[in-house]
Protein backbone atom coordinates (compact mmCIF):
# COMPACT_ATOMS: atom_id res chain seq x y z
CA UNK A 1 29.10 5.02 22.71
CA UNK A 2 28.95 2.71 19.41
CA UNK A 3 29.17 -0.85 19.90
CA UNK A 4 31.22 -2.97 17.51
CA UNK A 5 28.85 -4.56 14.70
CA UNK A 6 29.60 -7.43 12.72
CA UNK A 7 31.81 -8.62 15.45
CA UNK A 8 31.14 -12.43 15.10
CA UNK A 9 33.71 -14.60 13.51
CA UNK A 10 32.76 -15.18 10.00
CA UNK A 11 32.69 -19.08 10.85
CA UNK A 12 30.12 -18.47 13.79
CA UNK A 13 27.70 -16.48 11.35
CA UNK A 14 27.06 -19.56 9.39
CA UNK A 15 25.00 -20.81 12.66
CA UNK A 16 22.77 -17.80 12.64
CA UNK A 17 19.15 -18.82 12.22
CA UNK A 18 16.02 -16.60 11.76
CA UNK A 19 16.27 -14.97 15.28
CA UNK A 20 19.97 -14.79 15.20
CA UNK A 21 19.89 -12.84 12.01
CA UNK A 22 17.12 -10.35 13.38
CA UNK A 23 19.29 -9.85 16.40
CA UNK A 24 22.39 -8.95 14.26
CA UNK A 25 20.37 -6.62 11.96
CA UNK A 26 19.02 -4.98 15.30
CA UNK A 27 22.51 -4.36 16.65
CA UNK A 28 23.77 -2.88 13.47
CA UNK A 29 20.93 -0.43 13.12
CA UNK A 30 21.05 0.58 16.72
CA UNK A 31 25.04 0.80 16.76
CA UNK A 32 24.96 3.18 13.71
CA UNK A 33 21.35 4.71 14.19
CA UNK A 34 22.63 8.32 13.06
CA UNK A 35 23.78 7.32 9.63
CA UNK A 36 20.72 4.73 9.09
CA UNK A 37 18.40 7.65 10.44
CA UNK A 38 19.81 9.95 7.65
CA UNK A 39 19.34 7.31 5.16
CA UNK A 40 15.98 6.62 6.20
CA UNK A 41 14.85 10.27 5.99
CA UNK A 42 16.49 10.73 2.62
CA UNK A 43 15.60 7.68 0.71
CA UNK A 44 13.20 5.10 2.75
CA UNK A 45 10.70 8.07 3.66
CA UNK A 46 9.88 9.00 0.13
CA UNK A 47 9.58 5.15 -0.69
CA UNK A 48 7.21 4.71 2.24
CA UNK A 49 5.13 7.86 1.34
CA UNK A 50 4.98 6.59 -2.34
CA UNK A 51 3.68 3.24 -1.00
CA UNK A 52 0.94 4.56 1.13
CA UNK A 53 -0.05 7.15 -1.33
CA UNK A 54 -0.43 4.54 -4.00
CA UNK A 55 -3.00 2.67 -1.84
CA UNK A 56 -4.97 5.78 -1.27
CA UNK A 57 -5.02 7.33 -4.65
CA UNK A 58 -5.66 3.71 -6.32
CA UNK A 59 -8.41 3.48 -4.17
CA UNK A 60 -10.00 6.81 -4.98
CA UNK A 61 -9.51 6.28 -8.82
CA UNK A 62 -10.74 2.66 -8.87
CA UNK A 63 -13.81 3.87 -6.88
CA UNK A 64 -14.74 6.48 -9.38
CA UNK A 65 -14.28 3.82 -12.08
CA UNK A 66 -16.52 1.42 -10.40
CA UNK A 67 -19.18 3.96 -9.64
CA UNK A 68 -19.36 5.32 -13.05
CA UNK A 69 -19.49 1.81 -14.55
CA UNK A 70 -22.26 1.07 -12.24
CA UNK A 71 -24.19 4.17 -13.23
CA UNK A 72 -23.32 3.53 -16.85
CA UNK A 73 -25.13 0.18 -16.95
CA UNK A 74 -28.36 1.82 -15.81
CA UNK A 75 -28.12 4.51 -18.59
CA UNK A 76 -29.52 4.03 -22.18
CA UNK A 77 -26.83 3.60 -24.65
CA UNK A 78 -26.47 6.36 -27.19
CA UNK A 79 -27.61 9.27 -24.89
CA UNK A 80 -25.70 12.20 -24.02
CA UNK A 81 -25.27 10.92 -20.38
CA UNK A 82 -24.14 7.71 -21.64
CA UNK A 83 -21.32 9.13 -23.87
CA UNK A 84 -20.47 11.47 -20.93
CA UNK A 85 -20.07 8.56 -18.63
CA UNK A 86 -17.94 6.67 -21.12
CA UNK A 87 -15.85 9.60 -21.39
CA UNK A 88 -15.13 9.99 -17.66
CA UNK A 89 -14.48 6.19 -17.38
CA UNK A 90 -11.84 6.36 -20.22
CA UNK A 91 -10.17 9.30 -18.66
CA UNK A 92 -10.12 7.90 -15.07
CA UNK A 93 -8.86 4.58 -16.42
CA UNK A 94 -5.98 6.47 -18.24
CA UNK A 95 -5.05 8.47 -14.81
CA UNK A 96 -5.20 5.31 -13.05
CA UNK A 97 -2.75 3.48 -15.24
CA UNK A 98 -0.54 6.50 -15.60
CA UNK A 99 -0.45 6.78 -11.74
CA UNK A 100 0.43 2.93 -11.43
CA UNK A 101 3.34 3.34 -14.09
CA UNK A 102 4.56 6.48 -12.22
CA UNK A 103 4.13 4.52 -8.77
CA UNK A 104 6.26 1.57 -10.20
CA UNK A 105 8.96 3.87 -11.57
CA UNK A 106 9.45 5.96 -8.33
CA UNK A 107 9.13 2.96 -6.10
CA UNK A 108 11.81 1.12 -8.04
CA UNK A 109 14.23 4.05 -8.14
CA UNK A 110 14.16 4.76 -4.36
CA UNK A 111 13.92 0.87 -3.66
CA UNK A 112 17.45 0.66 -5.56
CA UNK A 113 18.74 3.75 -4.03
CA UNK A 114 17.93 2.47 -0.56
CA UNK A 115 19.44 -0.84 -1.04
CA UNK A 116 22.57 0.72 -2.45
CA UNK A 117 22.90 3.16 0.51
CA UNK A 118 22.24 0.45 3.15
CA UNK A 119 24.43 -2.38 1.81
CA UNK A 120 27.31 -0.03 1.12
CA UNK A 121 26.86 1.51 4.72
CA UNK A 122 27.07 -1.94 6.29
CA UNK A 123 30.10 -3.09 4.20
CA UNK A 124 31.77 -0.12 5.17
CA UNK A 125 31.08 -0.53 8.81
CA UNK A 126 32.31 -4.18 8.30
CA UNK A 127 35.66 -3.11 7.00
CA UNK A 128 36.06 -0.45 9.63
CA UNK A 129 36.04 2.24 7.17
CA UNK A 130 34.98 5.87 7.95
CA UNK A 131 31.42 6.19 6.77
CA UNK A 132 29.22 9.39 6.67
CA UNK A 133 26.06 10.14 5.06
CA UNK A 134 27.64 12.58 2.52
CA UNK A 135 30.04 9.71 1.37
CA UNK A 136 27.24 7.32 1.13
CA UNK A 137 25.11 9.52 -1.12
CA UNK A 138 28.08 10.09 -3.35
CA UNK A 139 28.59 6.49 -3.89
CA UNK A 140 24.77 5.55 -4.25
CA UNK A 141 24.32 6.48 -7.97
CA UNK A 142 27.18 4.43 -9.06
CA UNK A 143 26.03 1.42 -6.98
CA UNK A 144 22.65 2.04 -8.12
CA UNK A 145 23.55 1.27 -11.90
CA UNK A 146 24.76 -2.08 -10.99
CA UNK A 147 21.37 -2.88 -8.86
CA UNK A 148 19.36 -1.59 -11.97
CA UNK A 149 21.30 -4.18 -14.29
CA UNK A 150 20.29 -6.95 -11.72
CA UNK A 151 16.89 -5.81 -11.74
CA UNK A 152 16.57 -5.86 -15.48
CA UNK A 153 17.89 -9.32 -15.41
CA UNK A 154 15.45 -10.56 -12.87
CA UNK A 155 12.73 -8.83 -14.58
CA UNK A 156 13.58 -10.56 -17.78
CA UNK A 157 13.94 -14.01 -15.72
CA UNK A 158 10.34 -13.41 -14.30
CA UNK A 159 8.71 -12.75 -17.81
CA UNK A 160 10.28 -15.74 -19.31
CA UNK A 161 9.35 -17.93 -16.24
CA UNK A 162 5.68 -16.48 -16.35
CA UNK A 163 5.40 -17.26 -20.34
CA UNK A 164 6.70 -20.87 -19.88
CA UNK A 165 4.47 -21.21 -16.91
CA UNK A 166 1.39 -20.15 -18.93
CA UNK A 167 2.54 -22.34 -22.03
CA UNK A 168 3.27 -25.38 -19.85
CA UNK A 169 -0.13 -24.95 -17.97
CA UNK A 170 -2.30 -24.53 -20.94
CA UNK A 171 -0.65 -27.72 -22.46
CA UNK A 172 -1.19 -29.73 -19.21
CA UNK A 173 -4.91 -28.62 -19.16
CA UNK A 174 -5.26 -29.42 -22.88
CA UNK A 175 -3.84 -32.84 -22.31
CA UNK A 176 -5.87 -33.46 -19.31
CA UNK A 177 -9.06 -32.80 -21.36
CA UNK A 178 -8.18 -35.76 -23.42
CA UNK A 179 -7.01 -38.15 -20.97
CA UNK A 180 -9.78 -37.60 -18.34
CA UNK A 181 -12.84 -38.11 -20.91
CA UNK A 182 -15.68 -39.40 -18.72
CA UNK A 183 -14.36 -37.93 -15.23
CA UNK A 184 -15.95 -34.73 -13.80
CA UNK A 185 -14.27 -32.12 -15.82
CA UNK A 186 -14.55 -29.38 -13.27
CA UNK A 187 -13.11 -31.28 -10.51
CA UNK A 188 -10.28 -32.28 -12.52
CA UNK A 189 -9.56 -28.80 -13.87
CA UNK A 190 -9.96 -27.15 -10.40
CA UNK A 191 -7.62 -29.66 -8.91
CA UNK A 192 -4.81 -29.28 -11.86
CA UNK A 193 -5.43 -25.37 -11.69
CA UNK A 194 -4.41 -25.50 -8.01
CA UNK A 195 -1.45 -27.65 -8.34
CA UNK A 196 -0.16 -25.56 -11.18
CA UNK A 197 -0.86 -22.37 -9.32
CA UNK A 198 0.91 -23.59 -6.22
CA UNK A 199 3.84 -24.69 -8.04
CA UNK A 200 4.06 -21.26 -9.93
CA UNK A 201 3.91 -19.47 -6.55
CA UNK A 202 6.60 -21.50 -5.25
CA UNK A 203 8.77 -20.50 -8.10
CA UNK A 204 7.90 -16.82 -7.72
CA UNK A 205 8.97 -17.02 -4.18
CA UNK A 206 12.05 -18.89 -5.05
CA UNK A 207 13.05 -16.22 -7.76
CA UNK A 208 12.16 -13.27 -5.21
CA UNK A 209 14.69 -14.58 -2.61
CA UNK A 210 17.26 -14.99 -5.22
CA UNK A 211 16.68 -11.44 -6.21
CA UNK A 212 16.84 -10.42 -2.58
CA UNK A 213 20.02 -11.80 -2.11
CA UNK A 214 21.46 -10.78 -5.60
CA UNK A 215 21.14 -7.08 -4.59
CA UNK A 216 23.95 -7.24 -1.72
CA UNK A 217 25.92 -9.69 -4.29
CA UNK A 218 25.64 -6.82 -6.98
CA UNK A 219 27.26 -4.01 -4.55
CA UNK A 220 29.75 -6.24 -2.77
CA UNK A 221 31.11 -8.38 -5.52
CA UNK A 222 32.09 -8.13 -9.20
CA UNK A 223 28.87 -10.01 -10.52
CA UNK A 224 25.87 -8.18 -11.39
CA UNK A 225 22.97 -9.00 -13.61
CA UNK A 226 22.58 -12.85 -14.42
CA UNK A 227 26.02 -13.55 -12.69
CA UNK A 228 24.80 -11.89 -9.47
CA UNK A 229 21.50 -14.22 -9.64
CA UNK A 230 23.78 -17.22 -10.25
CA UNK A 231 25.86 -16.50 -7.38
CA UNK A 232 22.75 -15.77 -5.33
CA UNK A 233 21.42 -19.13 -6.24
CA UNK A 234 24.61 -20.98 -5.20
CA UNK A 235 24.79 -18.88 -1.94
CA UNK A 236 21.34 -19.50 -0.65
CA UNK A 237 21.88 -23.34 -0.61
CA UNK A 238 21.84 -24.35 2.73
CA UNK A 239 19.84 -21.19 4.06
CA UNK A 240 16.86 -21.59 2.06
CA UNK A 241 14.33 -22.39 4.69
CA UNK A 242 15.91 -19.37 6.89
CA UNK A 243 15.35 -17.19 3.82
CA UNK A 244 11.95 -18.28 3.22
CA UNK A 245 10.82 -17.82 6.74
CA UNK A 246 12.21 -14.44 6.92
CA UNK A 247 10.61 -13.60 3.46
CA UNK A 248 7.24 -14.67 4.74
CA UNK A 249 7.62 -12.85 7.97
CA UNK A 250 8.55 -9.60 6.34
CA UNK A 251 5.66 -9.80 3.70
CA UNK A 252 3.14 -10.66 6.31
CA UNK A 253 4.24 -7.58 8.53
CA UNK A 254 4.10 -5.43 5.40
CA UNK A 255 0.61 -7.04 4.56
CA UNK A 256 -0.69 -6.31 8.02
CA UNK A 257 0.42 -2.59 7.94
CA UNK A 258 -1.11 -2.22 4.61
CA UNK A 259 -4.39 -3.69 5.56
CA UNK A 260 -4.45 -1.39 8.80
CA UNK A 261 -3.63 1.76 6.52
CA UNK A 262 -6.67 0.52 4.17
CA UNK A 263 -9.01 0.03 6.99
CA UNK A 264 -8.02 2.80 9.34
CA UNK A 265 -7.19 5.61 7.11
CA UNK A 266 -8.29 5.04 3.64
CA UNK A 267 -11.71 3.41 4.57
CA UNK A 268 -11.99 4.99 8.18
CA UNK A 269 -14.46 7.76 6.81
CA UNK A 270 -16.29 7.19 10.19
CA UNK A 271 -13.34 8.66 12.26
CA UNK A 272 -12.46 12.33 12.64
CA UNK A 273 -9.46 13.67 10.60
CA UNK A 274 -7.11 13.80 13.36
CA UNK A 275 -7.74 10.22 14.18
CA UNK A 276 -7.07 9.14 10.62
CA UNK A 277 -4.00 11.26 10.56
CA UNK A 278 -2.56 9.71 13.64
CA UNK A 279 -3.20 6.39 12.20
CA UNK A 280 -1.48 7.25 8.99
CA UNK A 281 1.52 8.53 10.80
CA UNK A 282 1.78 4.95 12.85
CA UNK A 283 1.58 3.08 9.57
CA UNK A 284 4.17 5.45 8.03
CA UNK A 285 6.41 4.84 11.06
CA UNK A 286 5.95 0.94 10.86
CA UNK A 287 6.45 1.06 7.02
CA UNK A 288 9.83 2.93 7.66
CA UNK A 289 11.08 0.40 10.06
CA UNK A 290 9.98 -2.52 7.91
CA UNK A 291 11.78 -1.22 4.85
CA UNK A 292 14.99 -0.34 6.67
CA UNK A 293 15.02 -3.52 8.81
CA UNK A 294 14.48 -5.43 5.67
CA UNK A 295 17.29 -4.14 3.80
CA UNK A 296 19.59 -4.73 6.81
CA UNK A 297 18.38 -8.02 7.12
CA UNK A 298 19.41 -8.82 3.06
CA UNK A 299 23.01 -7.90 3.85
CA UNK A 300 23.16 -9.91 7.08
CA UNK A 301 21.83 -13.01 5.01
CA UNK A 302 24.37 -12.51 2.50
CA UNK A 303 27.26 -12.53 5.07
CA UNK A 304 25.44 -15.50 6.70
CA UNK A 305 25.48 -17.33 3.39
CA UNK A 306 29.01 -16.54 2.67
CA UNK A 307 30.10 -18.05 6.05
CA UNK A 308 27.85 -21.08 5.55
CA UNK A 309 29.70 -21.92 2.14
CA UNK A 310 33.05 -21.23 4.16
CA UNK A 311 33.95 -18.29 1.92
CA UNK A 312 35.99 -16.17 3.95
CA UNK A 313 35.69 -12.51 3.21
CA UNK A 314 38.84 -10.26 3.30
CA UNK A 315 38.14 -7.13 4.87
CA UNK A 316 41.22 -5.47 2.93
CA UNK A 317 39.87 -6.74 -0.42
CA UNK A 318 36.34 -5.64 0.26
CA UNK A 319 37.36 -2.36 1.36
CA UNK A 320 39.59 -2.10 -2.07
CA UNK A 321 36.18 -3.06 -3.93
CA UNK A 322 34.45 -0.30 -2.10
CA UNK A 323 37.08 2.25 -3.08
CA UNK A 324 36.28 1.53 -6.62
CA UNK A 325 33.20 3.48 -6.29
CA UNK A 326 35.01 6.65 -5.49
CA UNK A 327 36.78 6.64 -8.65
CA UNK A 328 35.21 7.72 -11.96
CA UNK A 329 35.34 5.57 -14.83
CA UNK A 330 37.20 2.69 -13.27
CA UNK A 331 35.59 -0.66 -13.91
CA UNK A 332 35.25 -3.14 -11.25
CA UNK A 333 37.47 -6.57 -12.04
CA UNK A 334 38.15 -9.53 -10.30
CA UNK A 335 41.27 -7.98 -8.64
CA UNK A 336 38.94 -5.55 -6.88
CA UNK A 337 37.48 -8.01 -4.56
CA UNK A 338 38.65 -11.63 -3.64
CA UNK A 339 37.03 -14.07 -1.38
CA UNK A 340 38.97 -16.85 0.07
CA UNK A 341 37.35 -20.14 0.22
CA UNK A 342 38.23 -22.22 3.50
CA UNK A 343 37.01 -25.38 4.63
CA UNK A 344 36.20 -26.33 8.22
């Protein structure tokens, strides 16, 4: 028998911390395990397989390139063997980058589709709407378009941020080369480089957290693109440390699984094939759980942030907003979803 999820009063959700959010996400998945299992098999499984395949194939292709380059160094230039090795290296590099581009495109598509499905499902559960896998999959392509707009916006923001960071870093190092004349150059440059790198990483983490929250905003509100990012920035205030801790825990967990897959499956040549397959299945299962859990957590954080800012979500308005996705060529407007703001 399914338990009622999202049963907390909205005012209470603002007090949820890291473990409270984890508990709420677990309750949602467990209570509606059938629909989430279907979403996992249809969308998250291909995403996980693509991620693990990327590790395996990239390792094989990069290994071939490295071996051929090493062999090329010991071969006399201009010989037939030298030319053959050069041709092989060029071909392998082309295959490597083509595969990486294909991986990025496919992973992006399935990531956005999975996000759309999970966020829409949780919103339907929250508004007591009848939700089925068929209905979710019919809505996903329409929700996916809004998520793509938001992704392109954050991509532009990341690109602009990186360009500005490079220009500023170069300017700082150039100025430092004149200011610190007579000082040990290497120590000064290393210190400045580390400081600039730390600042850049902090900015990347912040923008990534904003992007993660902007995804449920794009699905559940009128805003998408830069408007969703602006809304996400406003919502995350007051819950930034909670989001940062969850962000690092998720990435740490994913990193551990990736390292286990590389060491036990990709580089586990000393093991028999059955053992490597077993470890591969275990890593795949862990990836499935991490991806699904992460997507559910993003949506829970959205509701927590809304509660933290005393923005009451009207279920009827949110339900009307979700209904728009079932209508063809009906634009979302401010009347479709309204959020009342109340102050405690």
